Amino acid sequence: MDLSFLIWSFLIVFMVHNFEEIIMIEKWFHTTYPDIKEKLPAFVRNELEKRKNITTAQFTMAVFVLFLVASIVIFLTILQEHFFLFIGLNLFFSLNIVTHITQAIVLKCYVPGLWTTIFVILPYNLYFYYYLELHQLYYTFNFLDSVIIVLCLLPALLFAHKLAEKWS
């Protein structure tokens, strides 16, 4: 498998995962969240309370913005062969693995995005990093640069959600 194909396929993984979240988020907040919110630590409950009225359209807008950002990063990665850009994007997105699995364990229930995290994102990442190791591509980029990309993507995430709040 070609590295550029593997990198472009990230967008498919990204969207499959987000389709699960888009489809489930509103229903989850209406059906599951009321049953579990009293079990949550105050800081978690406060954050979820801010988002409990999010609509499918609003969440979709946030996903759309992040999809555009991811597409641009991937395009620049392939065009310039600056693979640290994609590694940073992938590390940023990989936080979903930890987030969704931890949420499900702590809440003792399904959270939107859990199944695609386990059955799509995790296998993709395991294969991607295996591919990098197999072809000794870890040595072609500076890991610190990728971490900087992760930090640069945080404002994009916050912007996407702020924009989504205003979308109706």
C-alpha atoms as a PDB file:
ATOM      1  CA  MET A   1       0.000   0.000   0.000  1.00  0.00           C
ATOM      2  CA  ASP A   2       1.261   3.437  -0.906  1.00  0.00           C
ATOM      3  CA  LEU A   3       1.816   5.977   1.879  1.00  0.00           C
ATOM      4  CA  SER A   4      -0.136   8.706   0.080  1.00  0.00           C
ATOM      5  CA  PHE A   5      -3.117   6.349  -0.266  1.00  0.00           C
ATOM      6  CA  LEU A   6      -2.907   5.558   3.433  1.00  0.00           C
ATOM      7  CA  ILE A   7      -2.802   9.270   4.258  1.00  0.00           C
ATOM      8  CA  TRP A   8      -5.736  10.160   1.965  1.00  0.00           C
ATOM      9  CA  SER A   9      -7.752   7.273   3.426  1.00  0.00           C
ATOM     10  CA  PHE A  10      -7.603   9.115   6.746  1.00  0.00           C
ATOM     11  CA  LEU A  11     -10.458  11.289   5.457  1.00  0.00           C
ATOM     12  CA  ILE A  12     -12.646   8.194   5.063  1.00  0.00           C
ATOM     13  CA  VAL A  13     -11.818   7.060   8.596  1.00  0.00           C
ATOM     14  CA  PHE A  14     -12.486  10.576   9.867  1.00  0.00           C
ATOM     15  CA  MET A  15     -15.906  10.756   8.199  1.00  0.00           C
ATOM     16  CA  VAL A  16     -17.039   7.232   9.122  1.00  0.00           C
ATOM     17  CA  HIS A  17     -16.280   8.037  12.753  1.00  0.00           C
ATOM     18  CA  ASN A  18     -18.001  11.397  12.579  1.00  0.00           C
ATOM     19  CA  PHE A  19     -21.060   9.921  10.859  1.00  0.00           C
ATOM     20  CA  GLU A  20     -21.569   7.766  13.953  1.00  0.00           C
ATOM     21  CA  GLU A  21     -21.305  10.842  16.153  1.00  0.00           C
ATOM     22  CA  ILE A  22     -23.534  12.955  13.890  1.00  0.00           C
ATOM     23  CA  ILE A  23     -26.225  10.290  13.862  1.00  0.00           C
ATOM     24  CA  MET A  24     -26.104   9.582  17.606  1.00  0.00           C
ATOM     25  CA  ILE A  25     -25.213  12.841  19.394  1.00  0.00           C
ATOM     26  CA  GLU A  26     -28.636  14.432  19.651  1.00  0.00           C
ATOM     27  CA  LYS A  27     -30.385  11.199  20.618  1.00  0.00           C
ATOM     28  CA  TRP A  28     -27.696  10.399  23.197  1.00  0.00           C
ATOM     29  CA  PHE A  29     -28.131  13.782  24.893  1.00  0.00           C
ATOM     30  CA  HIS A  30     -31.912  13.268  25.054  1.00  0.00           C
ATOM     31  CA  THR A  31     -31.984   9.635  26.166  1.00  0.00           C
ATOM     32  CA  THR A  32     -28.749   8.621  27.916  1.00  0.00           C
ATOM     33  CA  TYR A  33     -27.323  11.842  29.315  1.00  0.00           C
ATOM     34  CA  PRO A  34     -30.247  12.588  31.689  1.00  0.00           C
ATOM     35  CA  ASP A  35     -29.788   9.146  33.269  1.00  0.00           C
ATOM     36  CA  ILE A  36     -26.059   9.506  33.890  1.00  0.00           C
ATOM     37  CA  LYS A  37     -25.470  13.203  34.508  1.00  0.00           C
ATOM     38  CA  GLU A  38     -25.750  12.938  38.308  1.00  0.00           C
ATOM     39  CA  LYS A  39     -22.951  10.337  38.329  1.00  0.00           C
ATOM     40  CA  LEU A  40     -20.523  12.701  36.609  1.00  0.00           C
ATOM     41  CA  PRO A  41     -17.898  14.841  38.294  1.00  0.00           C
ATOM     42  CA  ALA A  42     -19.001  18.479  38.432  1.00  0.00           C
ATOM     43  CA  PHE A  43     -16.460  19.727  35.865  1.00  0.00           C
ATOM     44  CA  VAL A  44     -17.546  17.071  33.334  1.00  0.00           C
ATOM     45  CA  ARG A  45     -21.231  17.750  33.957  1.00  0.00           C
ATOM     46  CA  ASN A  46     -20.643  21.498  33.522  1.00  0.00           C
ATOM     47  CA  GLU A  47     -18.966  20.944  30.136  1.00  0.00           C
ATOM     48  CA  LEU A  48     -21.697  18.583  28.952  1.00  0.00           C
ATOM     49  CA  GLU A  49     -24.424  20.935  30.140  1.00  0.00           C
ATOM     50  CA  LYS A  50     -23.035  23.537  27.749  1.00  0.00           C
ATOM     51  CA  ARG A  51     -23.415  21.088  24.875  1.00  0.00           C
ATOM     52  CA  LYS A  52     -26.556  19.174  25.803  1.00  0.00           C
ATOM     53  CA  ASN A  53     -28.758  21.132  23.397  1.00  0.00           C
ATOM     54  CA  ILE A  54     -26.500  20.690  20.402  1.00  0.00           C
ATOM     55  CA  THR A  55     -28.422  19.755  17.283  1.00  0.00           C
ATOM     56  CA  THR A  56     -27.365  17.368  14.574  1.00  0.00           C
ATOM     57  CA  ALA A  57     -26.986  20.341  12.215  1.00  0.00           C
ATOM     58  CA  GLN A  58     -24.709  22.166  14.653  1.00  0.00           C
ATOM     59  CA  PHE A  59     -22.512  19.133  15.226  1.00  0.00           C
ATOM     60  CA  THR A  60     -22.370  18.551  11.475  1.00  0.00           C
ATOM     61  CA  MET A  61     -21.108  22.113  10.983  1.00  0.00           C
ATOM     62  CA  ALA A  62     -18.271  21.482  13.448  1.00  0.00           C
ATOM     63  CA  VAL A  63     -17.380  18.261  11.627  1.00  0.00           C
ATOM     64  CA  PHE A  64     -17.457  20.090   8.287  1.00  0.00           C
ATOM     65  CA  VAL A  65     -14.979  22.716   9.494  1.00  0.00           C
ATOM     66  CA  LEU A  66     -12.662  20.044  10.898  1.00  0.00           C
ATOM     67  CA  PHE A  67     -12.962  18.054   7.663  1.00  0.00           C
ATOM     68  CA  LEU A  68     -11.832  21.129   5.706  1.00  0.00           C
ATOM     69  CA  VAL A  69      -8.880  21.640   8.046  1.00  0.00           C
ATOM     70  CA  ALA A  70      -7.925  17.947   7.811  1.00  0.00           C
ATOM     71  CA  SER A  71      -8.197  18.051   4.005  1.00  0.00           C
ATOM     72  CA  ILE A  72      -5.920  21.086   3.807  1.00  0.00           C
ATOM     73  CA  VAL A  73      -3.353  19.484   6.127  1.00  0.00           C
ATOM     74  CA  ILE A  74      -3.403  16.283   4.076  1.00  0.00           C
ATOM     75  CA  PHE A  75      -3.125  18.186   0.802  1.00  0.00           C
ATOM     76  CA  LEU A  76      -0.102  20.104   2.124  1.00  0.00           C
ATOM     77  CA  THR A  77       1.420  16.892   3.465  1.00  0.00           C
ATOM     78  CA  ILE A  78       1.201  15.158   0.083  1.00  0.00           C
ATOM     79  CA  LEU A  79       2.114  18.234  -1.949  1.00  0.00           C
ATOM     80  CA  GLN A  80       5.122  19.282   0.145  1.00  0.00           C
ATOM     81  CA  GLU A  81       6.021  15.828   1.523  1.00  0.00           C
ATOM     82  CA  HIS A  82       6.064  17.293   5.022  1.00  0.00           C
ATOM     83  CA  PHE A  83       4.835  14.167   6.759  1.00  0.00           C
ATOM     84  CA  PHE A  84       5.063  15.737  10.204  1.00  0.00           C
ATOM     85  CA  LEU A  85       1.900  17.674   9.257  1.00  0.00           C
ATOM     86  CA  PHE A  86      -0.083  14.489   8.833  1.00  0.00           C
ATOM     87  CA  ILE A  87       1.480  12.817  11.867  1.00  0.00           C
ATOM     88  CA  GLY A  88       0.330  15.823  13.903  1.00  0.00           C
ATOM     89  CA  LEU A  89      -3.167  15.630  12.415  1.00  0.00           C
ATOM     90  CA  ASN A  90      -3.309  11.912  13.086  1.00  0.00           C
ATOM     91  CA  LEU A  91      -2.066  12.313  16.663  1.00  0.00           C
ATOM     92  CA  PHE A  92      -4.701  14.990  17.228  1.00  0.00           C
ATOM     93  CA  PHE A  93      -7.443  12.755  15.863  1.00  0.00           C
ATOM     94  CA  SER A  94      -6.056   9.757  17.762  1.00  0.00           C
ATOM     95  CA  LEU A  95      -6.965  11.488  21.003  1.00  0.00           C
ATOM     96  CA  ASN A  96     -10.461  10.246  20.105  1.00  0.00           C
ATOM     97  CA  ILE A  97      -9.279   6.734  20.885  1.00  0.00           C
ATOM     98  CA  VAL A  98      -8.454   7.648  24.450  1.00  0.00           C
ATOM     99  CA  THR A  99     -11.407  10.029  24.846  1.00  0.00           C
ATOM    100  CA  HIS A 100     -14.211   7.765  23.665  1.00  0.00           C
ATOM    101  CA  ILE A 101     -12.961   4.615  25.366  1.00  0.00           C
ATOM    102  CA  THR A 102     -12.323   6.472  28.641  1.00  0.00           C
ATOM    103  CA  GLN A 103     -15.774   8.109  28.501  1.00  0.00           C
ATOM    104  CA  ALA A 104     -17.461   4.751  27.937  1.00  0.00           C
ATOM    105  CA  ILE A 105     -15.591   3.154  30.840  1.00  0.00           C
ATOM    106  CA  VAL A 106     -16.177   6.033  33.259  1.00  0.00           C
ATOM    107  CA  LEU A 107     -19.829   6.493  32.275  1.00  0.00           C
ATOM    108  CA  LYS A 108     -20.439   2.738  31.986  1.00  0.00           C
ATOM    109  CA  CYS A 109     -22.462   3.293  28.823  1.00  0.00           C
ATOM    110  CA  TYR A 110     -22.241   3.812  25.106  1.00  0.00           C
ATOM    111  CA  VAL A 111     -20.980   7.220  23.993  1.00  0.00           C
ATOM    112  CA  PRO A 112     -21.362   8.478  20.414  1.00  0.00           C
ATOM    113  CA  GLY A 113     -18.305   7.502  18.403  1.00  0.00           C
ATOM    114  CA  LEU A 114     -17.312   4.521  20.552  1.00  0.00           C
ATOM    115  CA  TRP A 115     -17.876   1.768  17.977  1.00  0.00           C
ATOM    116  CA  THR A 116     -16.029   3.483  15.149  1.00  0.00           C
ATOM    117  CA  THR A 117     -13.233   4.361  17.559  1.00  0.00           C
ATOM    118  CA  ILE A 118     -12.764   0.692  18.398  1.00  0.00           C
ATOM    119  CA  PHE A 119     -13.432  -0.840  14.974  1.00  0.00           C
ATOM    120  CA  VAL A 120     -12.218   1.865  12.554  1.00  0.00           C
ATOM    121  CA  ILE A 121      -9.889   4.459  14.135  1.00  0.00           C
ATOM    122  CA  LEU A 122      -7.891   2.065  16.294  1.00  0.00           C
ATOM    123  CA  PRO A 123      -7.206  -0.458  13.478  1.00  0.00           C
ATOM    124  CA  TYR A 124      -6.353   2.369  11.063  1.00  0.00           C
ATOM    125  CA  ASN A 125      -3.870   3.843  13.523  1.00  0.00           C
ATOM    126  CA  LEU A 126      -2.327   0.509  14.384  1.00  0.00           C
ATOM    127  CA  TYR A 127      -1.802  -0.175  10.687  1.00  0.00           C
ATOM    128  CA  PHE A 128      -0.574   3.340   9.950  1.00  0.00           C
ATOM    129  CA  TYR A 129       2.074   3.277  12.683  1.00  0.00           C
ATOM    130  CA  TYR A 130       3.005  -0.294  11.753  1.00  0.00           C
ATOM    131  CA  TYR A 131       3.475   0.944   8.162  1.00  0.00           C
ATOM    132  CA  LEU A 132       5.728   3.766   9.349  1.00  0.00           C
ATOM    133  CA  GLU A 133       7.803   1.335  11.381  1.00  0.00           C
ATOM    134  CA  LEU A 134       7.920  -1.290   8.618  1.00  0.00           C
ATOM    135  CA  HIS A 135       9.225   1.249   6.102  1.00  0.00           C
ATOM    136  CA  GLN A 136      11.382   3.017   8.703  1.00  0.00           C
ATOM    137  CA  LEU A 137       9.601   6.298   8.053  1.00  0.00           C
ATOM    138  CA  TYR A 138       9.735   7.434  11.675  1.00  0.00           C
ATOM    139  CA  TYR A 139      13.132   8.848  10.890  1.00  0.00           C
ATOM    140  CA  THR A 140      11.875  11.140   8.131  1.00  0.00           C
ATOM    141  CA  PHE A 141      10.202  13.674  10.404  1.00  0.00           C
ATOM    142  CA  ASN A 142      10.706  15.423  13.696  1.00  0.00           C
ATOM    143  CA  PHE A 143       8.193  14.225  16.276  1.00  0.00           C
ATOM    144  CA  LEU A 144       8.312  17.583  18.077  1.00  0.00           C
ATOM    145  CA  ASP A 145       7.082  19.283  14.893  1.00  0.00           C
ATOM    146  CA  SER A 146       4.090  16.917  14.894  1.00  0.00           C
ATOM    147  CA  VAL A 147       3.296  17.793  18.504  1.00  0.00           C
ATOM    148  CA  ILE A 148       3.361  21.468  17.535  1.00  0.00           C
ATOM    149  CA  ILE A 149       0.813  20.663  14.798  1.00  0.00           C
ATOM    150  CA  VAL A 150      -1.404  19.024  17.444  1.00  0.00           C
ATOM    151  CA  LEU A 151      -1.257  22.227  19.486  1.00  0.00           C
ATOM    152  CA  CYS A 152      -2.023  24.310  16.386  1.00  0.00           C
ATOM    153  CA  LEU A 153      -5.110  22.197  15.681  1.00  0.00           C
ATOM    154  CA  LEU A 154      -6.657  22.914  19.098  1.00  0.00           C
ATOM    155  CA  PRO A 155      -7.825  26.419  18.066  1.00  0.00           C
ATOM    156  CA  ALA A 156      -9.387  24.898  14.922  1.00  0.00           C
ATOM    157  CA  LEU A 157     -11.371  22.510  17.117  1.00  0.00           C
ATOM    158  CA  LEU A 158     -12.512  25.321  19.399  1.00  0.00           C
ATOM    159  CA  PHE A 159     -13.398  27.500  16.399  1.00  0.00           C
ATOM    160  CA  ALA A 160     -15.382  24.661  14.803  1.00  0.00           C
ATOM    161  CA  HIS A 161     -17.447  24.201  17.952  1.00  0.00           C
ATOM    162  CA  LYS A 162     -17.952  27.952  18.443  1.00  0.00           C
ATOM    163  CA  LEU A 163     -19.143  28.242  14.848  1.00  0.00           C
ATOM    164  CA  ALA A 164     -21.429  25.249  15.363  1.00  0.00           C
ATOM    165  CA  GLU A 165     -23.037  26.909  18.418  1.00  0.00           C
ATOM    166  CA  LYS A 166     -24.028  29.851  16.255  1.00  0.00           C
ATOM    167  CA  TRP A 167     -25.340  27.618  13.472  1.00  0.00           C
ATOM    168  CA  SER A 168     -29.075  27.014  13.613  1.00  0.00           C
END
